[in-house]
Amino acid sequence: MRFNAISKYRRLSLQEKVLLTEVVLILLIAKLLILFVPFKKLAPYFGALNSEGLGHITETDATTVAMVRKMIVVGATKVPWKSVCLDRALTAMIMLNRRRIPNTLCLGVRFNVGKSKLDAHAWIRCNNEIFIGGARSKYYNVVAFFSKY
């Protein structure tokens, strides 16, 4: 199993290897921040509250967005810790912001009747599409969203 992962890594292009390394490092940082820093201290770094990233992306940006998405999906499944939606959404937000690509971090909740509790979910919108976390986002009510660009 480990040999298979190594051989797949070797087949990646240099650009994909760099992006995957960046994803793993940012996933680790995001996980540590979520675990050890109160949300109210993190939130100001997410951008303006209830602000939508409205800028359009270029064709070059679209290629970058697709590559970043692919590497987040791959990287999040390969790390030795459980990578949840907030880890992935923060990673996506950080990577897109570093590249000045407009995006919106969305935070939502829903009431889970079976467990009698609130469930939370995080996802990223980019160019009016769900970038990360979209499969479940339609079941959640948005309670906050953040954007820098």
N, C-alpha and C. Protein backbone atom coordinates (compact mmCIF):
# COMPACT_ATOMS: atom_id res chain seq x y z
N MET A 1 0.83 -1.19 0.00
CA MET A 1 0.00 0.00 0.00
C MET A 1 0.87 1.26 0.00
N ARG A 2 1.85 1.32 0.88
CA ARG A 2 2.73 2.48 0.96
C ARG A 2 3.52 2.65 -0.33
N PHE A 3 3.98 1.53 -0.90
CA PHE A 3 4.75 1.58 -2.14
C PHE A 3 3.90 2.18 -3.26
N ASN A 4 2.61 1.83 -3.29
CA ASN A 4 1.70 2.35 -4.30
C ASN A 4 1.60 3.87 -4.20
N ALA A 5 1.48 4.39 -2.98
CA ALA A 5 1.39 5.85 -2.78
C ALA A 5 2.68 6.54 -3.23
N ILE A 6 3.81 5.93 -2.92
CA ILE A 6 5.10 6.51 -3.33
C ILE A 6 5.23 6.51 -4.84
N SER A 7 4.84 5.41 -5.49
CA SER A 7 4.96 5.36 -6.94
C SER A 7 4.01 6.36 -7.61
N LYS A 8 2.82 6.56 -7.02
CA LYS A 8 1.90 7.57 -7.56
C LYS A 8 2.49 8.97 -7.40
N TYR A 9 3.12 9.23 -6.25
CA TYR A 9 3.74 10.53 -6.02
C TYR A 9 4.84 10.79 -7.04
N ARG A 10 5.62 9.78 -7.33
CA ARG A 10 6.72 9.94 -8.30
C ARG A 10 6.21 10.28 -9.69
N ARG A 11 5.02 9.81 -10.01
CA ARG A 11 4.47 10.07 -11.35
C ARG A 11 3.88 11.47 -11.50
N LEU A 12 3.72 12.18 -10.39
CA LEU A 12 3.18 13.54 -10.47
C LEU A 12 4.19 14.47 -11.13
N SER A 13 3.68 15.50 -11.78
CA SER A 13 4.56 16.52 -12.34
C SER A 13 5.16 17.33 -11.19
N LEU A 14 6.19 18.09 -11.47
CA LEU A 14 6.82 18.93 -10.45
C LEU A 14 5.80 19.91 -9.85
N GLN A 15 4.98 20.51 -10.70
CA GLN A 15 3.96 21.45 -10.23
C GLN A 15 2.99 20.75 -9.28
N GLU A 16 2.56 19.54 -9.61
CA GLU A 16 1.65 18.79 -8.75
C GLU A 16 2.31 18.41 -7.43
N LYS A 17 3.59 18.05 -7.47
CA LYS A 17 4.31 17.71 -6.24
C LYS A 17 4.41 18.93 -5.31
N VAL A 18 4.69 20.08 -5.89
CA VAL A 18 4.79 21.31 -5.09
C VAL A 18 3.43 21.64 -4.48
N LEU A 19 2.37 21.56 -5.28
CA LEU A 19 1.02 21.84 -4.78
C LEU A 19 0.61 20.85 -3.70
N LEU A 20 0.90 19.57 -3.90
CA LEU A 20 0.54 18.56 -2.91
C LEU A 20 1.29 18.78 -1.60
N THR A 21 2.55 19.15 -1.67
CA THR A 21 3.32 19.46 -0.47
C THR A 21 2.72 20.67 0.24
N GLU A 22 2.36 21.69 -0.52
CA GLU A 22 1.72 22.88 0.05
C GLU A 22 0.40 22.50 0.73
N VAL A 23 -0.39 21.65 0.08
CA VAL A 23 -1.68 21.21 0.65
C VAL A 23 -1.47 20.52 1.99
N VAL A 24 -0.54 19.58 2.04
CA VAL A 24 -0.31 18.83 3.28
C VAL A 24 0.15 19.75 4.41
N LEU A 25 1.04 20.67 4.10
CA LEU A 25 1.51 21.61 5.13
C LEU A 25 0.38 22.52 5.62
N ILE A 26 -0.41 23.03 4.70
CA ILE A 26 -1.50 23.92 5.10
C ILE A 26 -2.60 23.15 5.83
N LEU A 27 -2.87 21.91 5.40
CA LEU A 27 -3.83 21.08 6.14
C LEU A 27 -3.38 20.90 7.59
N LEU A 28 -2.09 20.67 7.79
CA LEU A 28 -1.56 20.51 9.15
C LEU A 28 -1.72 21.80 9.95
N ILE A 29 -1.35 22.92 9.35
CA ILE A 29 -1.49 24.21 10.03
C ILE A 29 -2.96 24.49 10.35
N ALA A 30 -3.85 24.23 9.38
CA ALA A 30 -5.28 24.47 9.60
C ALA A 30 -5.80 23.60 10.74
N LYS A 31 -5.41 22.34 10.77
CA LYS A 31 -5.85 21.44 11.84
C LYS A 31 -5.38 21.95 13.20
N LEU A 32 -4.11 22.36 13.29
CA LEU A 32 -3.58 22.87 14.55
C LEU A 32 -4.28 24.15 14.99
N LEU A 33 -4.54 25.04 14.04
CA LEU A 33 -5.25 26.28 14.36
C LEU A 33 -6.66 25.99 14.88
N ILE A 34 -7.35 25.09 14.22
CA ILE A 34 -8.72 24.73 14.63
C ILE A 34 -8.72 24.12 16.03
N LEU A 35 -7.73 23.30 16.32
CA LEU A 35 -7.67 22.63 17.61
C LEU A 35 -7.27 23.56 18.76
N PHE A 36 -6.39 24.52 18.48
CA PHE A 36 -5.78 25.27 19.57
C PHE A 36 -6.08 26.77 19.63
N VAL A 37 -6.70 27.32 18.60
CA VAL A 37 -6.98 28.76 18.59
C VAL A 37 -8.50 28.96 18.55
N PRO A 38 -9.03 29.78 19.46
CA PRO A 38 -10.48 30.03 19.45
C PRO A 38 -10.94 30.64 18.12
N PHE A 39 -12.13 30.26 17.69
CA PHE A 39 -12.65 30.71 16.41
C PHE A 39 -12.68 32.23 16.31
N LYS A 40 -13.06 32.91 17.39
CA LYS A 40 -13.16 34.38 17.32
C LYS A 40 -11.81 35.04 17.06
N LYS A 41 -10.72 34.36 17.39
CA LYS A 41 -9.37 34.89 17.09
C LYS A 41 -8.98 34.60 15.63
N LEU A 42 -9.51 33.49 15.08
CA LEU A 42 -9.20 33.12 13.69
C LEU A 42 -10.02 33.91 12.68
N ALA A 43 -11.28 34.15 12.99
CA ALA A 43 -12.22 34.71 12.03
C ALA A 43 -11.74 35.99 11.33
N PRO A 44 -11.08 36.93 12.03
CA PRO A 44 -10.63 38.14 11.32
C PRO A 44 -9.66 37.86 10.16
N TYR A 45 -8.97 36.73 10.21
CA TYR A 45 -8.03 36.39 9.14
C TYR A 45 -8.72 35.78 7.92
N PHE A 46 -10.00 35.43 8.07
CA PHE A 46 -10.75 34.83 6.96
C PHE A 46 -11.19 35.86 5.94
N GLY A 47 -11.19 37.13 6.32
CA GLY A 47 -11.66 38.18 5.44
C GLY A 47 -12.86 38.87 6.06
N ALA A 48 -13.56 39.65 5.24
CA ALA A 48 -14.71 40.41 5.72
C ALA A 48 -15.90 39.48 5.94
N LEU A 49 -16.55 39.63 7.10
CA LEU A 49 -17.72 38.83 7.44
C LEU A 49 -18.87 39.18 6.50
N ASN A 50 -19.57 38.16 6.03
CA ASN A 50 -20.71 38.29 5.13
C ASN A 50 -20.37 39.09 3.87
N SER A 51 -19.16 38.85 3.39
CA SER A 51 -18.68 39.45 2.15
C SER A 51 -18.44 38.34 1.14
N GLU A 52 -18.93 38.55 -0.07
CA GLU A 52 -18.85 37.54 -1.12
C GLU A 52 -17.69 37.86 -2.06
N GLY A 53 -16.89 36.83 -2.40
CA GLY A 53 -15.81 36.99 -3.38
C GLY A 53 -16.41 37.03 -4.77
N LEU A 54 -16.55 38.20 -5.34
CA LEU A 54 -17.31 38.36 -6.58
C LEU A 54 -16.47 38.43 -7.84
N GLY A 55 -15.17 38.53 -7.72
CA GLY A 55 -14.35 38.68 -8.91
C GLY A 55 -14.41 37.47 -9.82
N HIS A 56 -14.27 37.70 -11.09
CA HIS A 56 -14.25 36.60 -12.05
C HIS A 56 -12.82 36.09 -12.19
N ILE A 57 -12.70 34.84 -12.54
CA ILE A 57 -11.36 34.28 -12.67
C ILE A 57 -11.01 34.11 -14.15
N THR A 58 -9.74 34.23 -14.44
CA THR A 58 -9.26 34.10 -15.81
C THR A 58 -9.14 32.62 -16.16
N GLU A 59 -8.85 32.35 -17.42
CA GLU A 59 -8.67 30.97 -17.86
C GLU A 59 -7.47 30.33 -17.17
N THR A 60 -6.42 31.11 -16.97
CA THR A 60 -5.24 30.61 -16.25
C THR A 60 -5.60 30.30 -14.80
N ASP A 61 -6.38 31.19 -14.18
CA ASP A 61 -6.84 30.95 -12.82
C ASP A 61 -7.70 29.70 -12.74
N ALA A 62 -8.53 29.47 -13.76
CA ALA A 62 -9.40 28.29 -13.77
C ALA A 62 -8.57 27.01 -13.77
N THR A 63 -7.47 27.01 -14.51
CA THR A 63 -6.57 25.85 -14.52
C THR A 63 -5.95 25.67 -13.14
N THR A 64 -5.52 26.76 -12.53
CA THR A 64 -4.94 26.70 -11.19
C THR A 64 -5.96 26.21 -10.18
N VAL A 65 -7.18 26.71 -10.27
CA VAL A 65 -8.26 26.30 -9.36
C VAL A 65 -8.50 24.79 -9.47
N ALA A 66 -8.55 24.28 -10.69
CA ALA A 66 -8.77 22.85 -10.88
C ALA A 66 -7.63 22.03 -10.27
N MET A 67 -6.40 22.48 -10.46
CA MET A 67 -5.24 21.77 -9.92
C MET A 67 -5.24 21.82 -8.39
N VAL A 68 -5.54 22.97 -7.82
CA VAL A 68 -5.58 23.11 -6.36
C VAL A 68 -6.66 22.19 -5.79
N ARG A 69 -7.84 22.18 -6.41
CA ARG A 69 -8.93 21.31 -5.94
C ARG A 69 -8.49 19.84 -5.96
N LYS A 70 -7.90 19.43 -7.05
CA LYS A 70 -7.45 18.04 -7.18
C LYS A 70 -6.44 17.68 -6.08
N MET A 71 -5.48 18.57 -5.84
CA MET A 71 -4.45 18.27 -4.84
C MET A 71 -5.01 18.31 -3.41
N ILE A 72 -6.01 19.14 -3.14
CA ILE A 72 -6.63 19.14 -1.81
C ILE A 72 -7.35 17.82 -1.58
N VAL A 73 -8.08 17.36 -2.58
CA VAL A 73 -8.79 16.07 -2.45
C VAL A 73 -7.80 14.94 -2.22
N VAL A 74 -6.74 14.91 -3.00
CA VAL A 74 -5.71 13.86 -2.86
C VAL A 74 -5.01 13.98 -1.51
N GLY A 75 -4.54 15.17 -1.19
CA GLY A 75 -3.78 15.38 0.04
C GLY A 75 -4.59 15.09 1.30
N ALA A 76 -5.86 15.50 1.31
CA ALA A 76 -6.70 15.31 2.49
C ALA A 76 -6.96 13.83 2.77
N THR A 77 -6.92 13.01 1.75
CA THR A 77 -7.14 11.57 1.96
C THR A 77 -5.87 10.84 2.34
N LYS A 78 -4.72 11.47 2.20
CA LYS A 78 -3.44 10.79 2.45
C LYS A 78 -2.78 11.17 3.76
N VAL A 79 -3.27 12.23 4.42
CA VAL A 79 -2.64 12.64 5.67
C VAL A 79 -3.00 11.65 6.79
N PRO A 80 -2.13 11.51 7.80
CA PRO A 80 -2.38 10.51 8.85
C PRO A 80 -3.38 10.95 9.92
N TRP A 81 -4.06 12.06 9.73
CA TRP A 81 -5.09 12.49 10.67
C TRP A 81 -6.39 12.65 9.87
N LYS A 82 -7.51 12.73 10.58
CA LYS A 82 -8.80 12.90 9.91
C LYS A 82 -8.94 14.35 9.46
N SER A 83 -9.03 14.53 8.18
CA SER A 83 -9.19 15.87 7.61
C SER A 83 -10.68 16.11 7.38
N VAL A 84 -11.25 17.05 8.14
CA VAL A 84 -12.68 17.34 8.04
C VAL A 84 -12.91 18.55 7.13
N CYS A 85 -14.18 18.86 6.92
CA CYS A 85 -14.53 19.91 5.96
C CYS A 85 -13.90 21.26 6.29
N LEU A 86 -13.82 21.61 7.56
CA LEU A 86 -13.24 22.91 7.91
C LEU A 86 -11.75 22.95 7.59
N ASP A 87 -11.04 21.85 7.83
CA ASP A 87 -9.62 21.78 7.47
C ASP A 87 -9.44 22.03 5.97
N ARG A 88 -10.25 21.33 5.20
CA ARG A 88 -10.15 21.42 3.73
C ARG A 88 -10.56 22.81 3.24
N ALA A 89 -11.62 23.36 3.81
CA ALA A 89 -12.08 24.68 3.39
C ALA A 89 -11.05 25.76 3.71
N LEU A 90 -10.46 25.70 4.90
CA LEU A 90 -9.43 26.68 5.25
C LEU A 90 -8.21 26.52 4.35
N THR A 91 -7.84 25.29 4.05
CA THR A 91 -6.71 25.04 3.15
C THR A 91 -6.99 25.64 1.78
N ALA A 92 -8.19 25.39 1.26
CA ALA A 92 -8.56 25.95 -0.04
C ALA A 92 -8.55 27.47 -0.01
N MET A 93 -9.12 28.06 1.05
CA MET A 93 -9.17 29.51 1.17
C MET A 93 -7.76 30.10 1.18
N ILE A 94 -6.88 29.52 1.98
CA ILE A 94 -5.51 30.02 2.08
C ILE A 94 -4.80 29.91 0.74
N MET A 95 -4.94 28.76 0.08
CA MET A 95 -4.25 28.57 -1.20
C MET A 95 -4.78 29.50 -2.28
N LEU A 96 -6.10 29.68 -2.33
CA LEU A 96 -6.67 30.58 -3.34
C LEU A 96 -6.33 32.03 -3.03
N ASN A 97 -6.37 32.40 -1.76
CA ASN A 97 -6.00 33.78 -1.39
C ASN A 97 -4.55 34.07 -1.72
N ARG A 98 -3.66 33.10 -1.49
CA ARG A 98 -2.25 33.31 -1.84
C ARG A 98 -2.07 33.60 -3.32
N ARG A 99 -2.97 33.06 -4.14
CA ARG A 99 -2.90 33.24 -5.58
C ARG A 99 -3.83 34.37 -6.05
N ARG A 100 -4.42 35.10 -5.08
CA ARG A 100 -5.33 36.21 -5.34
C ARG A 100 -6.51 35.81 -6.23
N ILE A 101 -7.02 34.61 -5.98
CA ILE A 101 -8.19 34.12 -6.71
C ILE A 101 -9.41 34.32 -5.80
N PRO A 102 -10.42 35.07 -6.27
CA PRO A 102 -11.59 35.35 -5.43
C PRO A 102 -12.29 34.07 -4.98
N ASN A 103 -12.64 34.02 -3.70
CA ASN A 103 -13.33 32.86 -3.14
C ASN A 103 -14.09 33.28 -1.91
N THR A 104 -15.01 32.43 -1.49
CA THR A 104 -15.83 32.71 -0.31
C THR A 104 -15.85 31.48 0.58
N LEU A 105 -15.47 31.65 1.84
CA LEU A 105 -15.58 30.59 2.84
C LEU A 105 -16.98 30.65 3.42
N CYS A 106 -17.72 29.55 3.31
CA CYS A 106 -19.10 29.49 3.82
C CYS A 106 -19.16 28.53 5.00
N LEU A 107 -19.86 28.96 6.03
CA LEU A 107 -20.08 28.13 7.22
C LEU A 107 -21.58 27.95 7.39
N GLY A 108 -22.00 26.69 7.55
CA GLY A 108 -23.43 26.42 7.67
C GLY A 108 -23.74 25.43 8.77
N VAL A 109 -25.01 25.40 9.17
CA VAL A 109 -25.47 24.47 10.19
C VAL A 109 -26.79 23.85 9.73
N ARG A 110 -27.10 22.71 10.34
CA ARG A 110 -28.42 22.08 10.16
C ARG A 110 -28.73 21.32 11.44
N PHE A 111 -30.00 21.10 11.68
CA PHE A 111 -30.40 20.33 12.85
C PHE A 111 -30.51 18.87 12.44
N ASN A 112 -29.76 18.02 13.12
CA ASN A 112 -29.79 16.58 12.88
C ASN A 112 -30.85 15.98 13.80
N VAL A 113 -32.01 15.67 13.24
CA VAL A 113 -33.15 15.18 14.02
C VAL A 113 -32.81 13.86 14.70
N GLY A 114 -32.14 12.96 14.01
CA GLY A 114 -31.81 11.66 14.56
C GLY A 114 -30.93 11.72 15.80
N LYS A 115 -30.03 12.68 15.83
CA LYS A 115 -29.12 12.83 16.96
C LYS A 115 -29.50 13.99 17.88
N SER A 116 -30.55 14.71 17.53
CA SER A 116 -31.02 15.89 18.30
C SER A 116 -29.88 16.86 18.60
N LYS A 117 -29.14 17.22 17.55
CA LYS A 117 -28.03 18.17 17.71
C LYS A 117 -27.82 18.94 16.42
N LEU A 118 -27.05 20.00 16.51
CA LEU A 118 -26.67 20.77 15.32
C LEU A 118 -25.44 20.15 14.69
N ASP A 119 -25.45 20.05 13.37
CA ASP A 119 -24.28 19.66 12.60
C ASP A 119 -23.76 20.90 11.89
N ALA A 120 -22.47 20.99 11.73
CA ALA A 120 -21.87 22.14 11.03
C ALA A 120 -21.12 21.64 9.80
N HIS A 121 -20.98 22.53 8.83
CA HIS A 121 -20.26 22.19 7.60
C HIS A 121 -19.58 23.46 7.08
N ALA A 122 -18.46 23.29 6.41
CA ALA A 122 -17.74 24.41 5.79
C ALA A 122 -17.45 24.07 4.34
N TRP A 123 -17.55 25.06 3.48
CA TRP A 123 -17.24 24.85 2.08
C TRP A 123 -16.74 26.16 1.47
N ILE A 124 -16.17 26.05 0.29
CA ILE A 124 -15.64 27.21 -0.43
C ILE A 124 -16.38 27.36 -1.75
N ARG A 125 -16.78 28.60 -2.03
CA ARG A 125 -17.33 28.93 -3.35
C ARG A 125 -16.27 29.73 -4.10
N CYS A 126 -16.14 29.43 -5.36
CA CYS A 126 -15.19 30.14 -6.21
C CYS A 126 -15.82 30.27 -7.59
N ASN A 127 -15.90 31.49 -8.08
CA ASN A 127 -16.47 31.75 -9.40
C ASN A 127 -17.90 31.21 -9.50
N ASN A 128 -18.70 31.45 -8.46
CA ASN A 128 -20.10 31.02 -8.38
C ASN A 128 -20.29 29.51 -8.44
N GLU A 129 -19.28 28.75 -8.11
CA GLU A 129 -19.37 27.29 -8.04
C GLU A 129 -18.86 26.84 -6.69
N ILE A 130 -19.35 25.69 -6.23
CA ILE A 130 -18.81 25.11 -5.01
C ILE A 130 -17.45 24.51 -5.37
N PHE A 131 -16.43 24.95 -4.67
CA PHE A 131 -15.05 24.52 -4.94
C PHE A 131 -14.69 23.29 -4.11
N ILE A 132 -14.92 23.35 -2.81
CA ILE A 132 -14.63 22.25 -1.88
C ILE A 132 -15.84 22.13 -0.95
N GLY A 133 -16.25 20.90 -0.66
CA GLY A 133 -17.32 20.66 0.31
C GLY A 133 -18.72 20.78 -0.24
N GLY A 134 -18.86 20.73 -1.54
CA GLY A 134 -20.15 20.98 -2.17
C GLY A 134 -21.17 19.88 -2.07
N ALA A 135 -20.75 18.63 -1.91
CA ALA A 135 -21.70 17.52 -1.92
C ALA A 135 -22.77 17.66 -0.85
N ARG A 136 -22.41 18.16 0.32
CA ARG A 136 -23.35 18.25 1.43
C ARG A 136 -23.84 19.67 1.67
N SER A 137 -23.27 20.65 1.03
CA SER A 137 -23.57 22.05 1.36
C SER A 137 -25.04 22.42 1.18
N LYS A 138 -25.73 21.77 0.25
CA LYS A 138 -27.14 22.13 0.00
C LYS A 138 -28.06 21.80 1.17
N TYR A 139 -27.60 20.98 2.09
CA TYR A 139 -28.41 20.60 3.25
C TYR A 139 -28.21 21.52 4.45
N TYR A 140 -27.36 22.52 4.31
CA TYR A 140 -27.01 23.39 5.44
C TYR A 140 -27.47 24.81 5.19
N ASN A 141 -27.84 25.48 6.28
CA ASN A 141 -28.20 26.89 6.22
C ASN A 141 -26.95 27.72 6.52
N VAL A 142 -26.62 28.62 5.63
CA VAL A 142 -25.43 29.46 5.80
C VAL A 142 -25.65 30.40 6.99
N VAL A 143 -24.68 30.39 7.91
CA VAL A 143 -24.76 31.29 9.06
C VAL A 143 -23.71 32.40 8.98
N ALA A 144 -22.66 32.17 8.20
CA ALA A 144 -21.64 33.20 8.01
C ALA A 144 -20.85 32.87 6.74
N PHE A 145 -20.34 33.90 6.11
CA PHE A 145 -19.42 33.69 4.98
C PHE A 145 -18.39 34.82 4.99
N PHE A 146 -17.21 34.49 4.49
CA PHE A 146 -16.07 35.40 4.55
C PHE A 146 -15.39 35.45 3.19
N SER A 147 -14.84 36.61 2.86
CA SER A 147 -14.08 36.74 1.62
C SER A 147 -13.07 37.87 1.75
N LYS A 148 -11.92 37.69 1.11
CA LYS A 148 -10.91 38.75 1.07
C LYS A 148 -10.90 39.46 -0.28
N TYR A 149 -11.25 38.76 -1.36
CA TYR A 149 -11.16 39.36 -2.70
C TYR A 149 -12.50 39.33 -3.38
